[in-house]
PDB file of N, CA and C in Angstrom:
ATOM      1  N   MET A   1     103.010  47.580 146.502  1.00  0.00           N
ATOM      2  CA  MET A   1     103.745  48.810 146.779  1.00  0.00           C
ATOM      3  C   MET A   1     104.489  48.615 148.097  1.00  0.00           C
ATOM      4  N   ILE A   2     105.767  48.866 148.077  1.00  0.00           N
ATOM      5  CA  ILE A   2     106.542  48.728 149.296  1.00  0.00           C
ATOM      6  C   ILE A   2     106.469  50.018 150.113  1.00  0.00           C
ATOM      7  N   ARG A   3     106.898  49.935 151.351  1.00  0.00           N
ATOM      8  CA  ARG A   3     106.774  51.063 152.282  1.00  0.00           C
ATOM      9  C   ARG A   3     107.457  52.318 151.754  1.00  0.00           C
ATOM     10  N   ARG A   4     108.636  52.179 151.195  1.00  0.00           N
ATOM     11  CA  ARG A   4     109.345  53.358 150.693  1.00  0.00           C
ATOM     12  C   ARG A   4     108.577  54.026 149.560  1.00  0.00           C
ATOM     13  N   GLU A   5     107.982  53.217 148.684  1.00  0.00           N
ATOM     14  CA  GLU A   5     107.180  53.783 147.594  1.00  0.00           C
ATOM     15  C   GLU A   5     105.968  54.520 148.155  1.00  0.00           C
ATOM     16  N   PHE A   6     105.354  53.937 149.188  1.00  0.00           N
ATOM     17  CA  PHE A   6     104.188  54.567 149.805  1.00  0.00           C
ATOM     18  C   PHE A   6     104.563  55.913 150.422  1.00  0.00           C
ATOM     19  N   ILE A   7     105.689  55.960 151.109  1.00  0.00           N
ATOM     20  CA  ILE A   7     106.134  57.214 151.724  1.00  0.00           C
ATOM     21  C   ILE A   7     106.434  58.251 150.650  1.00  0.00           C
ATOM     22  N   LYS A   8     107.069  57.830 149.551  1.00  0.00           N
ATOM     23  CA  LYS A   8     107.315  58.750 148.433  1.00  0.00           C
ATOM     24  C   LYS A   8     105.988  59.243 147.856  1.00  0.00           C
ATOM     25  N   TYR A   9     105.041  58.330 147.738  1.00  0.00           N
ATOM     26  CA  TYR A   9     103.709  58.686 147.226  1.00  0.00           C
ATOM     27  C   TYR A   9     103.064  59.742 148.115  1.00  0.00           C
ATOM     28  N   LEU A  10     103.114  59.527 149.427  1.00  0.00           N
ATOM     29  CA  LEU A  10     102.536  60.505 150.354  1.00  0.00           C
ATOM     30  C   LEU A  10     103.246  61.846 150.257  1.00  0.00           C
ATOM     31  N   SER A  11     104.567  61.830 150.142  1.00  0.00           N
ATOM     32  CA  SER A  11     105.335  63.071 150.028  1.00  0.00           C
ATOM     33  C   SER A  11     104.966  63.814 148.759  1.00  0.00           C
ATOM     34  N   ALA A  12     104.868  63.090 147.660  1.00  0.00           N
ATOM     35  CA  ALA A  12     104.515  63.717 146.383  1.00  0.00           C
ATOM     36  C   ALA A  12     103.106  64.283 146.448  1.00  0.00           C
ATOM     37  N   PHE A  13     102.190  63.544 147.065  1.00  0.00           N
ATOM     38  CA  PHE A  13     100.803  64.001 147.190  1.00  0.00           C
ATOM     39  C   PHE A  13     100.742  65.293 148.001  1.00  0.00           C
ATOM     40  N   SER A  14     101.495  65.368 149.080  1.00  0.00           N
ATOM     41  CA  SER A  14     101.524  66.570 149.913  1.00  0.00           C
ATOM     42  C   SER A  14     102.111  67.750 149.154  1.00  0.00           C
ATOM     43  N   ALA A  15     103.194  67.513 148.416  1.00  0.00           N
ATOM     44  CA  ALA A  15     103.838  68.588 147.658  1.00  0.00           C
ATOM     45  C   ALA A  15     102.925  69.116 146.567  1.00  0.00           C
ATOM     46  N   VAL A  16     102.241  68.234 145.870  1.00  0.00           N
ATOM     47  CA  VAL A  16     101.313  68.672 144.820  1.00  0.00           C
ATOM     48  C   VAL A  16     100.205  69.506 145.427  1.00  0.00           C
ATOM     49  N   GLY A  17      99.703  69.099 146.579  1.00  0.00           N
ATOM     50  CA  GLY A  17      98.649  69.859 147.245  1.00  0.00           C
ATOM     51  C   GLY A  17      99.101  71.257 147.598  1.00  0.00           C
ATOM     52  N   MET A  18     100.332  71.410 148.098  1.00  0.00           N
ATOM     53  CA  MET A  18     100.830  72.732 148.473  1.00  0.00           C
ATOM     54  C   MET A  18     101.062  73.607 147.255  1.00  0.00           C
ATOM     55  N   VAL A  19     101.618  73.027 146.197  1.00  0.00           N
ATOM     56  CA  VAL A  19     101.923  73.802 144.993  1.00  0.00           C
ATOM     57  C   VAL A  19     100.650  74.234 144.279  1.00  0.00           C
ATOM     58  N   SER A  20      99.654  73.374 144.253  1.00  0.00           N
ATOM     59  CA  SER A  20      98.440  73.685 143.505  1.00  0.00           C
ATOM     60  C   SER A  20      97.500  74.608 144.270  1.00  0.00           C
ATOM     61  N   GLY A  21      97.892  75.038 145.450  1.00  0.00           N
ATOM     62  CA  GLY A  21      97.034  75.927 146.227  1.00  0.00           C
ATOM     63  C   GLY A  21      95.890  75.188 146.896  1.00  0.00           C
ATOM     64  N   PHE A  22      96.087  73.916 147.152  1.00  0.00           N
ATOM     65  CA  PHE A  22      95.082  73.092 147.808  1.00  0.00           C
ATOM     66  C   PHE A  22      94.698  73.722 149.131  1.00  0.00           C
ATOM     67  N   ARG A  23      93.438  73.950 149.336  1.00  0.00           N
ATOM     68  CA  ARG A  23      92.986  74.603 150.567  1.00  0.00           C
ATOM     69  C   ARG A  23      92.167  73.640 151.398  1.00  0.00           C
ATOM     70  N   PRO A  24      92.302  73.710 152.702  1.00  0.00           N
ATOM     71  CA  PRO A  24      91.536  72.802 153.548  1.00  0.00           C
ATOM     72  C   PRO A  24      90.046  73.081 153.487  1.00  0.00           C
ATOM     73  N   VAL A  25      89.288  72.042 153.683  1.00  0.00           N
ATOM     74  CA  VAL A  25      87.836  72.147 153.759  1.00  0.00           C
ATOM     75  C   VAL A  25      87.491  72.078 155.236  1.00  0.00           C
ATOM     76  N   PHE A  26      86.729  73.038 155.720  1.00  0.00           N
ATOM     77  CA  PHE A  26      86.440  73.058 157.145  1.00  0.00           C
ATOM     78  C   PHE A  26      85.098  72.459 157.513  1.00  0.00           C
ATOM     79  N   SER A  27      84.190  72.397 156.586  1.00  0.00           N
ATOM     80  CA  SER A  27      82.905  71.797 156.875  1.00  0.00           C
ATOM     81  C   SER A  27      82.418  71.092 155.623  1.00  0.00           C
ATOM     82  N   ILE A  28      82.139  69.828 155.733  1.00  0.00           N
ATOM     83  CA  ILE A  28      81.757  69.065 154.556  1.00  0.00           C
ATOM     84  C   ILE A  28      80.263  68.757 154.566  1.00  0.00           C
ATOM     85  N   LEU A  29      79.760  68.267 155.654  1.00  0.00           N
ATOM     86  CA  LEU A  29      78.356  67.886 155.732  1.00  0.00           C
ATOM     87  C   LEU A  29      77.664  68.644 156.851  1.00  0.00           C
ATOM     88  N   ALA A  30      76.354  68.736 156.735  1.00  0.00           N
ATOM     89  CA  ALA A  30      75.593  69.565 157.654  1.00  0.00           C
ATOM     90  C   ALA A  30      75.438  68.960 159.049  1.00  0.00           C
ATOM     91  N   THR A  31      75.240  67.678 159.149  1.00  0.00           N
ATOM     92  CA  THR A  31      74.937  67.098 160.459  1.00  0.00           C
ATOM     93  C   THR A  31      75.856  65.928 160.784  1.00  0.00           C
ATOM     94  N   PRO A  32      76.036  65.646 162.068  1.00  0.00           N
ATOM     95  CA  PRO A  32      76.830  64.472 162.469  1.00  0.00           C
ATOM     96  C   PRO A  32      76.240  63.164 161.927  1.00  0.00           C
ATOM     97  N   GLU A  33      74.924  63.095 161.815  1.00  0.00           N
ATOM     98  CA  GLU A  33      74.280  61.887 161.290  1.00  0.00           C
ATOM     99  C   GLU A  33      74.693  61.644 159.840  1.00  0.00           C
ATOM    100  N   GLN A  34      74.755  62.712 159.040  1.00  0.00           N
ATOM    101  CA  GLN A  34      75.187  62.577 157.650  1.00  0.00           C
ATOM    102  C   GLN A  34      76.655  62.168 157.584  1.00  0.00           C
ATOM    103  N   GLU A  35      77.476  62.745 158.452  1.00  0.00           N
ATOM    104  CA  GLU A  35      78.889  62.373 158.489  1.00  0.00           C
ATOM    105  C   GLU A  35      79.054  60.897 158.824  1.00  0.00           C
ATOM    106  N   LEU A  36      78.308  60.416 159.808  1.00  0.00           N
ATOM    107  CA  LEU A  36      78.391  59.013 160.204  1.00  0.00           C
ATOM    108  C   LEU A  36      77.932  58.106 159.070  1.00  0.00           C
ATOM    109  N   GLU A  37      76.861  58.471 158.418  1.00  0.00           N
ATOM    110  CA  GLU A  37      76.321  57.665 157.322  1.00  0.00           C
ATOM    111  C   GLU A  37      77.315  57.555 156.163  1.00  0.00           C
ATOM    112  N   THR A  38      77.908  58.667 155.780  1.00  0.00           N
ATOM    113  CA  THR A  38      78.860  58.619 154.662  1.00  0.00           C
ATOM    114  C   THR A  38      80.176  57.961 155.079  1.00  0.00           C
ATOM    115  N   THR A  39      80.612  58.150 156.319  1.00  0.00           N
ATOM    116  CA  THR A  39      81.808  57.462 156.803  1.00  0.00           C
ATOM    117  C   THR A  39      81.606  55.958 156.740  1.00  0.00           C
ATOM    118  N   LYS A  40      80.454  55.494 157.186  1.00  0.00           N
ATOM    119  CA  LYS A  40      80.161  54.060 157.144  1.00  0.00           C
ATOM    120  C   LYS A  40      80.113  53.563 155.702  1.00  0.00           C
ATOM    121  N   ALA A  41      79.538  54.334 154.799  1.00  0.00           N
ATOM    122  CA  ALA A  41      79.469  53.929 153.393  1.00  0.00           C
ATOM    123  C   ALA A  41      80.870  53.833 152.776  1.00  0.00           C
ATOM    124  N   ILE A  42      81.728  54.800 153.081  1.00  0.00           N
ATOM    125  CA  ILE A  42      83.105  54.779 152.569  1.00  0.00           C
ATOM    126  C   ILE A  42      83.849  53.564 153.119  1.00  0.00           C
ATOM    127  N   PHE A  43      83.740  53.352 154.431  1.00  0.00           N
ATOM    128  CA  PHE A  43      84.399  52.208 155.071  1.00  0.00           C
ATOM    129  C   PHE A  43      83.921  50.890 154.471  1.00  0.00           C
ATOM    130  N   ASP A  44      82.605  50.721 154.363  1.00  0.00           N
ATOM    131  CA  ASP A  44      82.040  49.484 153.805  1.00  0.00           C
ATOM    132  C   ASP A  44      82.507  49.262 152.369  1.00  0.00           C
ATOM    133  N   SER A  45      82.579  50.334 151.602  1.00  0.00           N
ATOM    134  CA  SER A  45      83.024  50.240 150.217  1.00  0.00           C
ATOM    135  C   SER A  45      84.466  49.738 150.135  1.00  0.00           C
ATOM    136  N   ILE A  46      85.329  50.282 150.989  1.00  0.00           N
ATOM    137  CA  ILE A  46      86.738  49.862 151.003  1.00  0.00           C
ATOM    138  C   ILE A  46      86.851  48.398 151.426  1.00  0.00           C
ATOM    139  N   ILE A  47      86.145  48.019 152.471  1.00  0.00           N
ATOM    140  CA  ILE A  47      86.201  46.632 152.958  1.00  0.00           C
ATOM    141  C   ILE A  47      85.703  45.671 151.883  1.00  0.00           C
ATOM    142  N   ASN A  48      84.580  45.988 151.261  1.00  0.00           N
ATOM    143  CA  ASN A  48      84.037  45.119 150.215  1.00  0.00           C
ATOM    144  C   ASN A  48      84.987  45.006 149.027  1.00  0.00           C
ATOM    145  N   LYS A  49      85.589  46.125 148.632  1.00  0.00           N
ATOM    146  CA  LYS A  49      86.531  46.114 147.508  1.00  0.00           C
ATOM    147  C   LYS A  49      87.745  45.257 147.829  1.00  0.00           C
ATOM    148  N   ARG A  50      88.304  45.422 149.020  1.00  0.00           N
ATOM    149  CA  ARG A  50      89.483  44.653 149.402  1.00  0.00           C
ATOM    150  C   ARG A  50      89.141  43.175 149.573  1.00  0.00           C
ATOM    151  N   MET A  51      87.972  42.866 150.129  1.00  0.00           N
ATOM    152  CA  MET A  51      87.584  41.465 150.326  1.00  0.00           C
ATOM    153  C   MET A  51      87.396  40.765 148.982  1.00  0.00           C
ATOM    154  N   SER A  52      86.801  41.447 148.015  1.00  0.00           N
ATOM    155  CA  SER A  52      86.596  40.820 146.714  1.00  0.00           C
ATOM    156  C   SER A  52      87.913  40.714 145.939  1.00  0.00           C
ATOM    157  N   ALA A  53      88.843  41.627 146.192  1.00  0.00           N
ATOM    158  CA  ALA A  53      90.114  41.622 145.465  1.00  0.00           C
ATOM    159  C   ALA A  53      91.097  40.595 146.025  1.00  0.00           C
ATOM    160  N   CYS A  54      91.228  40.531 147.347  1.00  0.00           N
ATOM    161  CA  CYS A  54      92.287  39.670 147.910  1.00  0.00           C
ATOM    162  C   CYS A  54      91.952  39.081 149.267  1.00  0.00           C
ATOM    163  N   GLY A  55      90.884  39.530 149.872  1.00  0.00           N
ATOM    164  CA  GLY A  55      90.559  39.020 151.195  1.00  0.00           C
ATOM    165  C   GLY A  55      91.541  39.434 152.277  1.00  0.00           C
ATOM    166  N   PHE A  56      92.244  40.540 152.071  1.00  0.00           N
ATOM    167  CA  PHE A  56      93.214  41.064 153.038  1.00  0.00           C
ATOM    168  C   PHE A  56      94.368  40.084 153.279  1.00  0.00           C
ATOM    169  N   LYS A  57      94.713  39.299 152.259  1.00  0.00           N
ATOM    170  CA  LYS A  57      95.779  38.301 152.422  1.00  0.00           C
ATOM    171  C   LYS A  57      97.107  38.752 151.832  1.00  0.00           C
ATOM    172  N   GLN A  58      97.192  39.986 151.370  1.00  0.00           N
ATOM    173  CA  GLN A  58      98.439  40.497 150.812  1.00  0.00           C
ATOM    174  C   GLN A  58      99.343  40.994 151.930  1.00  0.00           C
ATOM    175  N   PRO A  59     100.601  41.227 151.615  1.00  0.00           N
ATOM    176  CA  PRO A  59     101.490  41.844 152.610  1.00  0.00           C
ATOM    177  C   PRO A  59     100.948  43.215 153.029  1.00  0.00           C
ATOM    178  N   ILE A  60     101.183  43.573 154.257  1.00  0.00           N
ATOM    179  CA  ILE A  60     100.629  44.813 154.822  1.00  0.00           C
ATOM    180  C   ILE A  60     101.009  46.039 153.993  1.00  0.00           C
ATOM    181  N   GLY A  61     102.217  46.081 153.451  1.00  0.00           N
ATOM    182  CA  GLY A  61     102.636  47.226 152.644  1.00  0.00           C
ATOM    183  C   GLY A  61     101.791  47.399 151.397  1.00  0.00           C
ATOM    184  N   GLU A  62     101.475  46.292 150.736  1.00  0.00           N
ATOM    185  CA  GLU A  62     100.623  46.355 149.551  1.00  0.00           C
ATOM    186  C   GLU A  62      99.217  46.816 149.904  1.00  0.00           C
ATOM    187  N   LEU A  63      98.691  46.279 150.993  1.00  0.00           N
ATOM    188  CA  LEU A  63      97.348  46.677 151.435  1.00  0.00           C
ATOM    189  C   LEU A  63      97.293  48.169 151.764  1.00  0.00           C
ATOM    190  N   ILE A  64      98.305  48.662 152.450  1.00  0.00           N
ATOM    191  CA  ILE A  64      98.340  50.083 152.814  1.00  0.00           C
ATOM    192  C   ILE A  64      98.295  50.940 151.549  1.00  0.00           C
ATOM    193  N   GLY A  65      99.074  50.582 150.547  1.00  0.00           N
ATOM    194  CA  GLY A  65      99.071  51.337 149.299  1.00  0.00           C
ATOM    195  C   GLY A  65      97.724  51.297 148.604  1.00  0.00           C
ATOM    196  N   GLN A  66      97.089  50.134 148.563  1.00  0.00           N
ATOM    197  CA  GLN A  66      95.800  49.997 147.897  1.00  0.00           C
ATOM    198  C   GLN A  66      94.701  50.761 148.643  1.00  0.00           C
ATOM    199  N   ILE A  67      94.712  50.676 149.944  1.00  0.00           N
ATOM    200  CA  ILE A  67      93.703  51.388 150.735  1.00  0.00           C
ATOM    201  C   ILE A  67      93.922  52.897 150.632  1.00  0.00           C
ATOM    202  N   ALA A  68      95.178  53.318 150.606  1.00  0.00           N
ATOM    203  CA  ALA A  68      95.467  54.743 150.409  1.00  0.00           C
ATOM    204  C   ALA A  68      94.893  55.207 149.068  1.00  0.00           C
ATOM    205  N   ASP A  69      95.046  54.390 148.042  1.00  0.00           N
ATOM    206  CA  ASP A  69      94.451  54.720 146.739  1.00  0.00           C
ATOM    207  C   ASP A  69      92.928  54.787 146.833  1.00  0.00           C
ATOM    208  N   ASP A  70      92.336  53.892 147.620  1.00  0.00           N
ATOM    209  CA  ASP A  70      90.876  53.906 147.792  1.00  0.00           C
ATOM    210  C   ASP A  70      90.392  55.214 148.423  1.00  0.00           C
ATOM    211  N   LEU A  71      91.230  55.819 149.249  1.00  0.00           N
ATOM    212  CA  LEU A  71      90.846  57.064 149.925  1.00  0.00           C
ATOM    213  C   LEU A  71      91.214  58.312 149.121  1.00  0.00           C
ATOM    214  N   THR A  72      91.850  58.124 147.966  1.00  0.00           N
ATOM    215  CA  THR A  72      92.200  59.269 147.126  1.00  0.00           C
ATOM    216  C   THR A  72      90.924  60.002 146.718  1.00  0.00           C
ATOM    217  N   GLY A  73      90.972  61.299 146.822  1.00  0.00           N
ATOM    218  CA  GLY A  73      89.811  62.110 146.458  1.00  0.00           C
ATOM    219  C   GLY A  73      89.033  62.622 147.660  1.00  0.00           C
ATOM    220  N   ILE A  74      89.279  62.046 148.828  1.00  0.00           N
ATOM    221  CA  ILE A  74      88.636  62.565 150.032  1.00  0.00           C
ATOM    222  C   ILE A  74      89.340  63.872 150.387  1.00  0.00           C
ATOM    223  N   PRO A  75      88.594  64.935 150.603  1.00  0.00           N
ATOM    224  CA  PRO A  75      89.224  66.249 150.816  1.00  0.00           C
ATOM    225  C   PRO A  75      89.976  66.359 152.138  1.00  0.00           C
ATOM    226  N   TYR A  76      90.916  67.308 152.148  1.00  0.00           N
ATOM    227  CA  TYR A  76      91.646  67.638 153.372  1.00  0.00           C
ATOM    228  C   TYR A  76      90.677  68.331 154.322  1.00  0.00           C
ATOM    229  N   LEU A  77      90.712  67.920 155.585  1.00  0.00           N
ATOM    230  CA  LEU A  77      89.861  68.522 156.602  1.00  0.00           C
ATOM    231  C   LEU A  77      90.679  68.641 157.880  1.00  0.00           C
ATOM    232  N   GLY A  78      91.012  69.850 158.243  1.00  0.00           N
ATOM    233  CA  GLY A  78      91.777  70.077 159.455  1.00  0.00           C
ATOM    234  C   GLY A  78      90.925  69.900 160.699  1.00  0.00           C
ATOM    235  N   GLY A  79      91.544  69.466 161.774  1.00  0.00           N
ATOM    236  CA  GLY A  79      90.859  69.365 163.060  1.00  0.00           C
ATOM    237  C   GLY A  79      89.844  68.243 163.136  1.00  0.00           C
ATOM    238  N   THR A  80      90.092  67.140 162.438  1.00  0.00           N
ATOM    239  CA  THR A  80      89.103  66.059 162.430  1.00  0.00           C
ATOM    240  C   THR A  80      88.992  65.336 163.768  1.00  0.00           C
ATOM    241  N   LEU A  81      89.988  65.471 164.622  1.00  0.00           N
ATOM    242  CA  LEU A  81      89.928  64.792 165.916  1.00  0.00           C
ATOM    243  C   LEU A  81      89.264  65.637 166.999  1.00  0.00           C
ATOM    244  N   GLU A  82      89.137  66.928 166.743  1.00  0.00           N
ATOM    245  CA  GLU A  82      88.499  67.804 167.717  1.00  0.00           C
ATOM    246  C   GLU A  82      86.986  67.749 167.530  1.00  0.00           C
ATOM    247  N   GLY A  83      86.291  68.022 168.586  1.00  0.00           N
ATOM    248  CA  GLY A  83      84.839  68.053 168.524  1.00  0.00           C
ATOM    249  C   GLY A  83      84.289  68.547 169.838  1.00  0.00           C
ATOM    250  N   PRO A  84      82.989  68.706 169.891  1.00  0.00           N
ATOM    251  CA  PRO A  84      82.392  69.187 171.132  1.00  0.00           C
ATOM    252  C   PRO A  84      82.462  68.137 172.238  1.00  0.00           C
ATOM    253  N   GLY A  85      82.474  68.603 173.462  1.00  0.00           N
ATOM    254  CA  GLY A  85      82.458  67.696 174.598  1.00  0.00           C
ATOM    255  C   GLY A  85      83.808  67.096 174.914  1.00  0.00           C
ATOM    256  N   ALA A  86      83.748  66.025 175.671  1.00  0.00           N
ATOM    257  CA  ALA A  86      84.959  65.345 176.127  1.00  0.00           C
ATOM    258  C   ALA A  86      85.685  64.686 174.960  1.00  0.00           C
ATOM    259  N   GLU A  87      86.972  64.423 175.175  1.00  0.00           N
ATOM    260  CA  GLU A  87      87.756  63.748 174.148  1.00  0.00           C
ATOM    261  C   GLU A  87      87.285  62.308 174.014  1.00  0.00           C
ATOM    262  N   ILE A  88      86.944  61.922 172.798  1.00  0.00           N
ATOM    263  CA  ILE A  88      86.503  60.555 172.509  1.00  0.00           C
ATOM    264  C   ILE A  88      87.155  60.101 171.206  1.00  0.00           C
ATOM    265  N   CYS A  89      87.060  58.827 170.920  1.00  0.00           N
ATOM    266  CA  CYS A  89      87.538  58.295 169.650  1.00  0.00           C
ATOM    267  C   CYS A  89      86.610  58.784 168.543  1.00  0.00           C
ATOM    268  N   ARG A  90      87.186  59.432 167.538  1.00  0.00           N
ATOM    269  CA  ARG A  90      86.392  59.955 166.421  1.00  0.00           C
ATOM    270  C   ARG A  90      86.937  59.380 165.118  1.00  0.00           C
ATOM    271  N   VAL A  91      86.035  58.881 164.285  1.00  0.00           N
ATOM    272  CA  VAL A  91      86.404  58.402 162.960  1.00  0.00           C
ATOM    273  C   VAL A  91      85.544  59.149 161.969  1.00  0.00           C
ATOM    274  N   ASN A  92      86.197  59.846 161.041  1.00  0.00           N
ATOM    275  CA  ASN A  92      85.489  60.627 160.038  1.00  0.00           C
ATOM    276  C   ASN A  92      86.209  60.452 158.713  1.00  0.00           C
ATOM    277  N   LEU A  93      85.627  59.675 157.808  1.00  0.00           N
ATOM    278  CA  LEU A  93      86.236  59.457 156.502  1.00  0.00           C
ATOM    279  C   LEU A  93      85.721  60.441 155.465  1.00  0.00           C
ATOM    280  N   ASN A  94      84.984  61.454 155.890  1.00  0.00           N
ATOM    281  CA  ASN A  94      84.486  62.483 154.972  1.00  0.00           C
ATOM    282  C   ASN A  94      85.567  63.506 154.651  1.00  0.00           C
ATOM    283  N   GLY A  95      86.558  63.609 155.512  1.00  0.00           N
ATOM    284  CA  GLY A  95      87.679  64.519 155.338  1.00  0.00           C
ATOM    285  C   GLY A  95      88.810  64.040 156.209  1.00  0.00           C
ATOM    286  N   LEU A  96      90.033  64.146 155.722  1.00  0.00           N
ATOM    287  CA  LEU A  96      91.184  63.615 156.436  1.00  0.00           C
ATOM    288  C   LEU A  96      92.313  64.640 156.451  1.00  0.00           C
ATOM    289  N   ASP A  97      93.067  64.664 157.547  1.00  0.00           N
ATOM    290  CA  ASP A  97      94.326  65.410 157.531  1.00  0.00           C
ATOM    291  C   ASP A  97      95.433  64.377 157.374  1.00  0.00           C
ATOM    292  N   CYS A  98      96.680  64.803 157.351  1.00  0.00           N
ATOM    293  CA  CYS A  98      97.775  63.865 157.066  1.00  0.00           C
ATOM    294  C   CYS A  98      97.861  62.754 158.111  1.00  0.00           C
ATOM    295  N   VAL A  99      97.609  63.074 159.365  1.00  0.00           N
ATOM    296  CA  VAL A  99      97.706  62.061 160.425  1.00  0.00           C
ATOM    297  C   VAL A  99      96.526  61.100 160.359  1.00  0.00           C
ATOM    298  N   THR A 100      95.316  61.624 160.261  1.00  0.00           N
ATOM    299  CA  THR A 100      94.151  60.738 160.234  1.00  0.00           C
ATOM    300  C   THR A 100      94.111  59.911 158.953  1.00  0.00           C
ATOM    301  N   PHE A 101      94.643  60.449 157.842  1.00  0.00           N
ATOM    302  CA  PHE A 101      94.741  59.671 156.610  1.00  0.00           C
ATOM    303  C   PHE A 101      95.575  58.418 156.866  1.00  0.00           C
ATOM    304  N   PHE A 102      96.774  58.614 157.377  1.00  0.00           N
ATOM    305  CA  PHE A 102      97.675  57.480 157.616  1.00  0.00           C
ATOM    306  C   PHE A 102      97.101  56.530 158.673  1.00  0.00           C
ATOM    307  N   GLU A 103      96.581  57.068 159.761  1.00  0.00           N
ATOM    308  CA  GLU A 103      96.049  56.211 160.819  1.00  0.00           C
ATOM    309  C   GLU A 103      94.878  55.370 160.319  1.00  0.00           C
ATOM    310  N   ASN A 104      93.968  55.977 159.565  1.00  0.00           N
ATOM    311  CA  ASN A 104      92.820  55.226 159.045  1.00  0.00           C
ATOM    312  C   ASN A 104      93.253  54.166 158.057  1.00  0.00           C
ATOM    313  N   VAL A 105      94.194  54.486 157.179  1.00  0.00           N
ATOM    314  CA  VAL A 105      94.699  53.502 156.221  1.00  0.00           C
ATOM    315  C   VAL A 105      95.313  52.321 156.971  1.00  0.00           C
ATOM    316  N   LEU A 106      96.136  52.590 157.955  1.00  0.00           N
ATOM    317  CA  LEU A 106      96.788  51.530 158.713  1.00  0.00           C
ATOM    318  C   LEU A 106      95.776  50.669 159.463  1.00  0.00           C
ATOM    319  N   VAL A 107      94.801  51.275 160.086  1.00  0.00           N
ATOM    320  CA  VAL A 107      93.794  50.525 160.842  1.00  0.00           C
ATOM    321  C   VAL A 107      92.975  49.628 159.906  1.00  0.00           C
ATOM    322  N   ILE A 108      92.572  50.164 158.762  1.00  0.00           N
ATOM    323  CA  ILE A 108      91.789  49.363 157.822  1.00  0.00           C
ATOM    324  C   ILE A 108      92.641  48.204 157.291  1.00  0.00           C
ATOM    325  N   ALA A 109      93.912  48.471 156.998  1.00  0.00           N
ATOM    326  CA  ALA A 109      94.795  47.412 156.485  1.00  0.00           C
ATOM    327  C   ALA A 109      94.999  46.302 157.526  1.00  0.00           C
ATOM    328  N   ARG A 110      94.965  46.664 158.791  1.00  0.00           N
ATOM    329  CA  ARG A 110      95.174  45.659 159.858  1.00  0.00           C
ATOM    330  C   ARG A 110      93.893  44.971 160.266  1.00  0.00           C
ATOM    331  N   LYS A 111      92.802  45.310 159.626  1.00  0.00           N
ATOM    332  CA  LYS A 111      91.479  44.753 159.898  1.00  0.00           C
ATOM    333  C   LYS A 111      91.603  43.373 160.435  1.00  0.00           C
TER     334      LYS A 111
END
């Protein structure tokens, strides 16, 4: 998948979400420990799938598209970067907003 196709895919995905009345999910799991555990499981699953498929040797555009497909089905979650206390690096694959979706896909593809 080339970059333009990926951008069209993201645009179409966003439009379908708005038309279908897609509503954000504000709380997915009860505890931070559960969030960390499932985030790690999702990440490990994506890495294992990509390693067995190609070993991350494809062009970056193709990898981005495949990893984006791997994250399909993860619910929208607003405010994923906010949290209690001081600002720190937060990774949460239990729910993604448009920015964290793209950032996580790009980071995983650049592994």
